[in-house]
Amino acid sequence: AFARGACVVILSDGLERGDHSDLETAMRRFSA
């Protein structure tokens, strides 16, 4: 609920290890 209608800023280098499918799914949900 904190993300709904919010400005979400992720502070990270984005270096995901291995399969990135979970990261892609999470970002799509955050974007929505």
Full PDB file with SEQRES, HELIX, SHEET, SSBOND, CRYST1, ORIGX, SCALE, CONECT and MASTER records, all heavy atoms in Angstrom:
SEQRES   1 A   32  ALA PHE ALA ARG GLY ALA CYS VAL VAL ILE LEU SER ASP          
SEQRES   2 A   32  GLY LEU GLU ARG GLY ASP HIS SER ASP LEU GLU THR ALA          
SEQRES   3 A   32  MET ARG ARG PHE SER ALA                                      
HELIX    1 AA1 SER A   21  SER A   31  1                                  11    
CRYST1    1.000    1.000    1.000  90.00  90.00  90.00 P 1           1          
ORIGX1      1.000000  0.000000  0.000000        0.00000                         
ORIGX2      0.000000  1.000000  0.000000        0.00000                         
ORIGX3      0.000000  0.000000  1.000000        0.00000                         
SCALE1      1.000000  0.000000  0.000000        0.00000                         
SCALE2      0.000000  1.000000  0.000000        0.00000                         
SCALE3      0.000000  0.000000  1.000000        0.00000                         
ATOM      1  N   ALA A   1       0.822  -1.213   0.000  1.00  0.00           N  
ATOM      2  CA  ALA A   1       0.000   0.000   0.000  1.00  0.00           C  
ATOM      3  C   ALA A   1       0.856   1.262   0.000  1.00  0.00           C  
ATOM      4  O   ALA A   1       0.418   2.308  -0.483  1.00  0.00           O  
ATOM      5  CB  ALA A   1      -0.933   0.002   1.212  1.00  0.00           C  
ATOM      6  N   PHE A   2       2.080   1.186   0.537  1.00  0.00           N  
ATOM      7  CA  PHE A   2       2.957   2.357   0.539  1.00  0.00           C  
ATOM      8  C   PHE A   2       3.331   2.778  -0.879  1.00  0.00           C  
ATOM      9  O   PHE A   2       3.631   3.949  -1.130  1.00  0.00           O  
ATOM     10  CB  PHE A   2       4.241   2.072   1.321  1.00  0.00           C  
ATOM     11  CG  PHE A   2       4.029   1.840   2.794  1.00  0.00           C  
ATOM     12  CD1 PHE A   2       4.801   0.909   3.483  1.00  0.00           C  
ATOM     13  CD2 PHE A   2       3.070   2.533   3.491  1.00  0.00           C  
ATOM     14  CE1 PHE A   2       4.623   0.689   4.838  1.00  0.00           C  
ATOM     15  CE2 PHE A   2       2.874   2.316   4.851  1.00  0.00           C  
ATOM     16  CZ  PHE A   2       3.653   1.395   5.525  1.00  0.00           C  
ATOM     17  N   ALA A   3       3.334   1.831  -1.805  1.00  0.00           N  
ATOM     18  CA  ALA A   3       3.752   2.124  -3.179  1.00  0.00           C  
ATOM     19  C   ALA A   3       2.622   2.673  -4.043  1.00  0.00           C  
ATOM     20  O   ALA A   3       2.881   3.255  -5.090  1.00  0.00           O  
ATOM     21  CB  ALA A   3       4.321   0.871  -3.838  1.00  0.00           C  
ATOM     22  N   ARG A   4       1.379   2.519  -3.591  1.00  0.00           N  
ATOM     23  CA  ARG A   4       0.252   2.905  -4.435  1.00  0.00           C  
ATOM     24  C   ARG A   4       0.193   4.424  -4.579  1.00  0.00           C  
ATOM     25  O   ARG A   4       0.027   5.162  -3.627  1.00  0.00           O  
ATOM     26  CB  ARG A   4      -1.052   2.368  -3.846  1.00  0.00           C  
ATOM     27  CG  ARG A   4      -2.262   2.549  -4.752  1.00  0.00           C  
ATOM     28  CD  ARG A   4      -3.469   1.807  -4.243  1.00  0.00           C  
ATOM     29  NE  ARG A   4      -3.238   0.359  -4.243  1.00  0.00           N  
ATOM     30  CZ  ARG A   4      -3.193  -0.377  -3.141  1.00  0.00           C  
ATOM     31  NH1 ARG A   4      -3.323   0.188  -1.958  1.00  0.00           N  
ATOM     32  NH2 ARG A   4      -2.993  -1.672  -3.217  1.00  0.00           N  
ATOM     33  N   GLY A   5       0.330   4.910  -5.806  1.00  0.00           N  
ATOM     34  CA  GLY A   5       0.275   6.337  -6.071  1.00  0.00           C  
ATOM     35  C   GLY A   5       1.482   7.113  -5.577  1.00  0.00           C  
ATOM     36  O   GLY A   5       1.448   8.342  -5.536  1.00  0.00           O  
ATOM     37  N   ALA A   6       2.565   6.429  -5.235  1.00  0.00           N  
ATOM     38  CA  ALA A   6       3.737   7.075  -4.640  1.00  0.00           C  
ATOM     39  C   ALA A   6       4.838   7.290  -5.667  1.00  0.00           C  
ATOM     40  O   ALA A   6       4.831   6.710  -6.761  1.00  0.00           O  
ATOM     41  CB  ALA A   6       4.270   6.231  -3.482  1.00  0.00           C  
ATOM     42  N   CYS A   7       5.793   8.129  -5.302  1.00  0.00           N  
ATOM     43  CA  CYS A   7       7.046   8.241  -6.040  1.00  0.00           C  
ATOM     44  C   CYS A   7       8.003   7.208  -5.438  1.00  0.00           C  
ATOM     45  O   CYS A   7       8.450   7.357  -4.297  1.00  0.00           O  
ATOM     46  CB  CYS A   7       7.634   9.641  -5.908  1.00  0.00           C  
ATOM     47  SG  CYS A   7       6.623  10.935  -6.628  1.00  0.00           S  
ATOM     48  N   VAL A   8       8.275   6.157  -6.165  1.00  0.00           N  
ATOM     49  CA  VAL A   8       9.109   5.063  -5.679  1.00  0.00           C  
ATOM     50  C   VAL A   8      10.509   5.235  -6.260  1.00  0.00           C  
ATOM     51  O   VAL A   8      10.684   5.245  -7.482  1.00  0.00           O  
ATOM     52  CB  VAL A   8       8.528   3.697  -6.077  1.00  0.00           C  
ATOM     53  CG1 VAL A   8       9.427   2.574  -5.564  1.00  0.00           C  
ATOM     54  CG2 VAL A   8       7.114   3.542  -5.548  1.00  0.00           C  
ATOM     55  N   VAL A   9      11.505   5.369  -5.379  1.00  0.00           N  
ATOM     56  CA  VAL A   9      12.896   5.521  -5.805  1.00  0.00           C  
ATOM     57  C   VAL A   9      13.690   4.346  -5.246  1.00  0.00           C  
ATOM     58  O   VAL A   9      13.779   4.182  -4.020  1.00  0.00           O  
ATOM     59  CB  VAL A   9      13.496   6.858  -5.322  1.00  0.00           C  
ATOM     60  CG1 VAL A   9      14.934   6.990  -5.822  1.00  0.00           C  
ATOM     61  CG2 VAL A   9      12.652   8.032  -5.806  1.00  0.00           C  
ATOM     62  N   ILE A  10      14.241   3.522  -6.126  1.00  0.00           N  
ATOM     63  CA  ILE A  10      15.058   2.379  -5.734  1.00  0.00           C  
ATOM     64  C   ILE A  10      16.517   2.780  -5.880  1.00  0.00           C  
ATOM     65  O   ILE A  10      16.951   3.160  -6.984  1.00  0.00           O  
ATOM     66  CB  ILE A  10      14.731   1.148  -6.593  1.00  0.00           C  
ATOM     67  CG1 ILE A  10      13.250   0.791  -6.463  1.00  0.00           C  
ATOM     68  CG2 ILE A  10      15.606  -0.033  -6.188  1.00  0.00           C  
ATOM     69  CD1 ILE A  10      12.814  -0.318  -7.390  1.00  0.00           C  
ATOM     70  N   LEU A  11      17.260   2.704  -4.787  1.00  0.00           N  
ATOM     71  CA  LEU A  11      18.665   3.087  -4.777  1.00  0.00           C  
ATOM     72  C   LEU A  11      19.498   1.809  -4.812  1.00  0.00           C  
ATOM     73  O   LEU A  11      19.736   1.168  -3.787  1.00  0.00           O  
ATOM     74  CB  LEU A  11      18.982   3.913  -3.527  1.00  0.00           C  
ATOM     75  CG  LEU A  11      18.078   5.137  -3.296  1.00  0.00           C  
ATOM     76  CD1 LEU A  11      18.372   5.791  -1.957  1.00  0.00           C  
ATOM     77  CD2 LEU A  11      18.250   6.142  -4.418  1.00  0.00           C  
ATOM     78  N   SER A  12      19.948   1.436  -6.003  1.00  0.00           N  
ATOM     79  CA  SER A  12      20.640   0.159  -6.167  1.00  0.00           C  
ATOM     80  C   SER A  12      21.432   0.178  -7.461  1.00  0.00           C  
ATOM     81  O   SER A  12      21.110   0.923  -8.399  1.00  0.00           O  
ATOM     82  CB  SER A  12      19.632  -0.992  -6.195  1.00  0.00           C  
ATOM     83  OG  SER A  12      20.243  -2.213  -6.538  1.00  0.00           O  
ATOM     84  N   ASP A  13      22.466  -0.668  -7.518  1.00  0.00           N  
ATOM     85  CA  ASP A  13      23.222  -0.789  -8.761  1.00  0.00           C  
ATOM     86  C   ASP A  13      22.510  -1.685  -9.771  1.00  0.00           C  
ATOM     87  O   ASP A  13      22.911  -1.762 -10.928  1.00  0.00           O  
ATOM     88  CB  ASP A  13      24.638  -1.305  -8.499  1.00  0.00           C  
ATOM     89  CG  ASP A  13      24.653  -2.574  -7.656  1.00  0.00           C  
ATOM     90  OD1 ASP A  13      23.592  -3.225  -7.552  1.00  0.00           O  
ATOM     91  OD2 ASP A  13      25.706  -2.899  -7.090  1.00  0.00           O  
ATOM     92  N   GLY A  14      21.457  -2.383  -9.339  1.00  0.00           N  
ATOM     93  CA  GLY A  14      20.701  -3.232 -10.252  1.00  0.00           C  
ATOM     94  C   GLY A  14      21.432  -4.486 -10.685  1.00  0.00           C  
ATOM     95  O   GLY A  14      21.041  -5.111 -11.672  1.00  0.00           O  
ATOM     96  N   LEU A  15      22.471  -4.871  -9.946  1.00  0.00           N  
ATOM     97  CA  LEU A  15      23.250  -6.057 -10.316  1.00  0.00           C  
ATOM     98  C   LEU A  15      22.580  -7.288  -9.726  1.00  0.00           C  
ATOM     99  O   LEU A  15      22.907  -7.731  -8.634  1.00  0.00           O  
ATOM    100  CB  LEU A  15      24.693  -5.926  -9.811  1.00  0.00           C  
ATOM    101  CG  LEU A  15      25.493  -4.780 -10.416  1.00  0.00           C  
ATOM    102  CD1 LEU A  15      26.899  -4.728  -9.814  1.00  0.00           C  
ATOM    103  CD2 LEU A  15      25.560  -4.915 -11.935  1.00  0.00           C  
ATOM    104  N   GLU A  16      21.629  -7.846 -10.451  1.00  0.00           N  
ATOM    105  CA  GLU A  16      20.915  -9.038 -10.003  1.00  0.00           C  
ATOM    106  C   GLU A  16      21.697 -10.276 -10.379  1.00  0.00           C  
ATOM    107  O   GLU A  16      22.215 -10.386 -11.493  1.00  0.00           O  
ATOM    108  CB  GLU A  16      19.521  -9.077 -10.641  1.00  0.00           C  
ATOM    109  CG  GLU A  16      18.676 -10.266 -10.227  1.00  0.00           C  
ATOM    110  CD  GLU A  16      18.202 -10.192  -8.785  1.00  0.00           C  
ATOM    111  OE1 GLU A  16      18.961  -9.656  -7.945  1.00  0.00           O  
ATOM    112  OE2 GLU A  16      17.100 -10.664  -8.490  1.00  0.00           O  
ATOM    113  N   ARG A  17      21.786 -11.197  -9.421  1.00  0.00           N  
ATOM    114  CA  ARG A  17      22.507 -12.440  -9.655  1.00  0.00           C  
ATOM    115  C   ARG A  17      21.580 -13.481 -10.274  1.00  0.00           C  
ATOM    116  O   ARG A  17      20.442 -13.634  -9.881  1.00  0.00           O  
ATOM    117  CB  ARG A  17      23.065 -12.973  -8.335  1.00  0.00           C  
ATOM    118  CG  ARG A  17      24.019 -12.026  -7.617  1.00  0.00           C  
ATOM    119  CD  ARG A  17      25.371 -12.024  -8.237  1.00  0.00           C  
ATOM    120  NE  ARG A  17      26.044 -13.308  -8.063  1.00  0.00           N  
ATOM    121  CZ  ARG A  17      27.307 -13.534  -8.332  1.00  0.00           C  
ATOM    122  NH1 ARG A  17      28.059 -12.550  -8.802  1.00  0.00           N  
ATOM    123  NH2 ARG A  17      27.844 -14.704  -8.142  1.00  0.00           N  
ATOM    124  N   GLY A  18      22.070 -14.206 -11.258  1.00  0.00           N  
ATOM    125  CA  GLY A  18      21.306 -15.304 -11.835  1.00  0.00           C  
ATOM    126  C   GLY A  18      20.107 -14.816 -12.645  1.00  0.00           C  
ATOM    127  O   GLY A  18      20.148 -13.790 -13.317  1.00  0.00           O  
ATOM    128  N   ASP A  19      19.029 -15.584 -12.564  1.00  0.00           N  
ATOM    129  CA  ASP A  19      17.824 -15.301 -13.335  1.00  0.00           C  
ATOM    130  C   ASP A  19      17.201 -13.990 -12.863  1.00  0.00           C  
ATOM    131  O   ASP A  19      17.039 -13.761 -11.667  1.00  0.00           O  
ATOM    132  CB  ASP A  19      16.833 -16.457 -13.147  1.00  0.00           C  
ATOM    133  CG  ASP A  19      15.598 -16.280 -14.017  1.00  0.00           C  
ATOM    134  OD1 ASP A  19      15.646 -15.459 -14.945  1.00  0.00           O  
ATOM    135  OD2 ASP A  19      14.589 -16.958 -13.742  1.00  0.00           O  
ATOM    136  N   HIS A  20      16.841 -13.115 -13.808  1.00  0.00           N  
ATOM    137  CA  HIS A  20      16.284 -11.816 -13.455  1.00  0.00           C  
ATOM    138  C   HIS A  20      14.771 -11.771 -13.630  1.00  0.00           C  
ATOM    139  O   HIS A  20      14.181 -10.684 -13.635  1.00  0.00           O  
ATOM    140  CB  HIS A  20      16.920 -10.720 -14.311  1.00  0.00           C  
ATOM    141  CG  HIS A  20      16.727 -10.914 -15.784  1.00  0.00           C  
ATOM    142  ND1 HIS A  20      17.665 -11.561 -16.564  1.00  0.00           N  
ATOM    143  CD2 HIS A  20      15.710 -10.580 -16.611  1.00  0.00           C  
ATOM    144  CE1 HIS A  20      17.231 -11.594 -17.813  1.00  0.00           C  
ATOM    145  NE2 HIS A  20      16.041 -10.998 -17.867  1.00  0.00           N  
ATOM    146  N   SER A  21      14.121 -12.919 -13.773  1.00  0.00           N  
ATOM    147  CA  SER A  21      12.673 -12.933 -14.005  1.00  0.00           C  
ATOM    148  C   SER A  21      11.908 -12.363 -12.816  1.00  0.00           C  
ATOM    149  O   SER A  21      10.909 -11.655 -12.996  1.00  0.00           O  
ATOM    150  CB  SER A  21      12.196 -14.352 -14.319  1.00  0.00           C  
ATOM    151  OG  SER A  21      12.510 -15.238 -13.252  1.00  0.00           O  
ATOM    152  N   ASP A  22      12.363 -12.663 -11.582  1.00  0.00           N  
ATOM    153  CA  ASP A  22      11.695 -12.106 -10.398  1.00  0.00           C  
ATOM    154  C   ASP A  22      11.811 -10.584 -10.370  1.00  0.00           C  
ATOM    155  O   ASP A  22      10.856  -9.882 -10.024  1.00  0.00           O  
ATOM    156  CB  ASP A  22      12.298 -12.687  -9.115  1.00  0.00           C  
ATOM    157  CG  ASP A  22      11.850 -14.115  -8.853  1.00  0.00           C  
ATOM    158  OD1 ASP A  22      10.868 -14.539  -9.490  1.00  0.00           O  
ATOM    159  OD2 ASP A  22      12.469 -14.798  -8.027  1.00  0.00           O  
ATOM    160  N   LEU A  23      12.983 -10.075 -10.729  1.00  0.00           N  
ATOM    161  CA  LEU A  23      13.180  -8.626 -10.743  1.00  0.00           C  
ATOM    162  C   LEU A  23      12.279  -7.975 -11.798  1.00  0.00           C  
ATOM    163  O   LEU A  23      11.664  -6.933 -11.544  1.00  0.00           O  
ATOM    164  CB  LEU A  23      14.648  -8.306 -11.035  1.00  0.00           C  
ATOM    165  CG  LEU A  23      15.008  -6.820 -11.145  1.00  0.00           C  
ATOM    166  CD1 LEU A  23      14.673  -6.083  -9.859  1.00  0.00           C  
ATOM    167  CD2 LEU A  23      16.475  -6.657 -11.490  1.00  0.00           C  
ATOM    168  N   GLU A  24      12.179  -8.592 -12.954  1.00  0.00           N  
ATOM    169  CA  GLU A  24      11.332  -8.047 -14.018  1.00  0.00           C  
ATOM    170  C   GLU A  24       9.865  -8.032 -13.582  1.00  0.00           C  
ATOM    171  O   GLU A  24       9.142  -7.048 -13.793  1.00  0.00           O  
ATOM    172  CB  GLU A  24      11.498  -8.880 -15.283  1.00  0.00           C  
ATOM    173  CG  GLU A  24      10.806  -8.300 -16.497  1.00  0.00           C  
ATOM    174  CD  GLU A  24      11.071  -9.139 -17.742  1.00  0.00           C  
ATOM    175  OE1 GLU A  24      11.795 -10.155 -17.640  1.00  0.00           O  
ATOM    176  OE2 GLU A  24      10.546  -8.762 -18.802  1.00  0.00           O  
ATOM    177  N   THR A  25       9.430  -9.112 -12.941  1.00  0.00           N  
ATOM    178  CA  THR A  25       8.049  -9.177 -12.449  1.00  0.00           C  
ATOM    179  C   THR A  25       7.789  -8.116 -11.398  1.00  0.00           C  
ATOM    180  O   THR A  25       6.761  -7.423 -11.421  1.00  0.00           O  
ATOM    181  CB  THR A  25       7.768 -10.565 -11.863  1.00  0.00           C  
ATOM    182  OG1 THR A  25       7.974 -11.561 -12.866  1.00  0.00           O  
ATOM    183  CG2 THR A  25       6.342 -10.662 -11.341  1.00  0.00           C  
ATOM    184  N   ALA A  26       8.732  -7.968 -10.457  1.00  0.00           N  
ATOM    185  CA  ALA A  26       8.560  -6.975  -9.395  1.00  0.00           C  
ATOM    186  C   ALA A  26       8.483  -5.564  -9.959  1.00  0.00           C  
ATOM    187  O   ALA A  26       7.650  -4.754  -9.525  1.00  0.00           O  
ATOM    188  CB  ALA A  26       9.711  -7.086  -8.400  1.00  0.00           C  
ATOM    189  N   MET A  27       9.330  -5.249 -10.937  1.00  0.00           N  
ATOM    190  CA  MET A  27       9.323  -3.906 -11.508  1.00  0.00           C  
ATOM    191  C   MET A  27       8.021  -3.619 -12.257  1.00  0.00           C  
ATOM    192  O   MET A  27       7.493  -2.500 -12.200  1.00  0.00           O  
ATOM    193  CB  MET A  27      10.523  -3.736 -12.441  1.00  0.00           C  
ATOM    194  CG  MET A  27      11.850  -3.605 -11.716  1.00  0.00           C  
ATOM    195  SD  MET A  27      11.869  -2.172 -10.612  1.00  0.00           S  
ATOM    196  CE  MET A  27      13.565  -2.185 -10.069  1.00  0.00           C  
ATOM    197  N   ARG A  28       7.500  -4.607 -12.943  1.00  0.00           N  
ATOM    198  CA  ARG A  28       6.216  -4.400 -13.628  1.00  0.00           C  
ATOM    199  C   ARG A  28       5.109  -4.117 -12.619  1.00  0.00           C  
ATOM    200  O   ARG A  28       4.255  -3.249 -12.839  1.00  0.00           O  
ATOM    201  CB  ARG A  28       5.858  -5.623 -14.474  1.00  0.00           C  
ATOM    202  CG  ARG A  28       6.657  -5.758 -15.759  1.00  0.00           C  
ATOM    203  CD  ARG A  28       5.916  -6.644 -16.753  1.00  0.00           C  
ATOM    204  NE  ARG A  28       5.552  -7.932 -16.152  1.00  0.00           N  
ATOM    205  CZ  ARG A  28       6.301  -9.027 -16.229  1.00  0.00           C  
ATOM    206  NH1 ARG A  28       7.447  -8.987 -16.883  1.00  0.00           N  
ATOM    207  NH2 ARG A  28       5.908 -10.155 -15.678  1.00  0.00           N  
ATOM    208  N   ARG A  29       5.131  -4.828 -11.504  1.00  0.00           N  
ATOM    209  CA  ARG A  29       4.095  -4.616 -10.484  1.00  0.00           C  
ATOM    210  C   ARG A  29       4.264  -3.257  -9.803  1.00  0.00           C  
ATOM    211  O   ARG A  29       3.284  -2.578  -9.513  1.00  0.00           O  
ATOM    212  CB  ARG A  29       4.142  -5.743  -9.457  1.00  0.00           C  
ATOM    213  CG  ARG A  29       3.736  -7.096 -10.038  1.00  0.00           C  
ATOM    214  CD  ARG A  29       3.797  -8.195  -8.992  1.00  0.00           C  
ATOM    215  NE  ARG A  29       3.467  -9.491  -9.562  1.00  0.00           N  
ATOM    216  CZ  ARG A  29       3.521 -10.638  -8.891  1.00  0.00           C  
ATOM    217  NH1 ARG A  29       3.895 -10.624  -7.609  1.00  0.00           N  
ATOM    218  NH2 ARG A  29       3.194 -11.774  -9.478  1.00  0.00           N  
ATOM    219  N   PHE A  30       5.499  -2.886  -9.539  1.00  0.00           N  
ATOM    220  CA  PHE A  30       5.734  -1.555  -8.977  1.00  0.00           C  
ATOM    221  C   PHE A  30       5.246  -0.476  -9.939  1.00  0.00           C  
ATOM    222  O   PHE A  30       4.626   0.507  -9.529  1.00  0.00           O  
ATOM    223  CB  PHE A  30       7.220  -1.358  -8.681  1.00  0.00           C  
ATOM    224  CG  PHE A  30       7.619  -1.684  -7.280  1.00  0.00           C  
ATOM    225  CD1 PHE A  30       8.438  -2.767  -7.016  1.00  0.00           C  
ATOM    226  CD2 PHE A  30       7.199  -0.901  -6.217  1.00  0.00           C  
ATOM    227  CE1 PHE A  30       8.815  -3.071  -5.721  1.00  0.00           C  
ATOM    228  CE2 PHE A  30       7.568  -1.201  -4.927  1.00  0.00           C  
ATOM    229  CZ  PHE A  30       8.373  -2.286  -4.661  1.00  0.00           C  
ATOM    230  N   SER A  31       5.545  -0.644 -11.213  1.00  0.00           N  
ATOM    231  CA  SER A  31       5.152   0.342 -12.207  1.00  0.00           C  
ATOM    232  C   SER A  31       3.643   0.505 -12.265  1.00  0.00           C  
ATOM    233  O   SER A  31       3.126   1.611 -12.459  1.00  0.00           O  
ATOM    234  CB  SER A  31       5.696  -0.053 -13.584  1.00  0.00           C  
ATOM    235  OG  SER A  31       5.359   0.895 -14.562  1.00  0.00           O  
ATOM    236  N   ALA A  32       2.916  -0.608 -12.081  1.00  0.00           N  
ATOM    237  CA  ALA A  32       1.456  -0.549 -12.115  1.00  0.00           C  
ATOM    238  C   ALA A  32       0.884   0.170 -10.900  1.00  0.00           C  
ATOM    239  O   ALA A  32      -0.191   0.771 -10.980  1.00  0.00           O  
ATOM    240  CB  ALA A  32       0.885  -1.965 -12.204  1.00  0.00           C  
TER     241      ALA A  32                                                      
MASTER        0    0    0    1    0    0    0    6  240    1    0    3          
END                                                                             
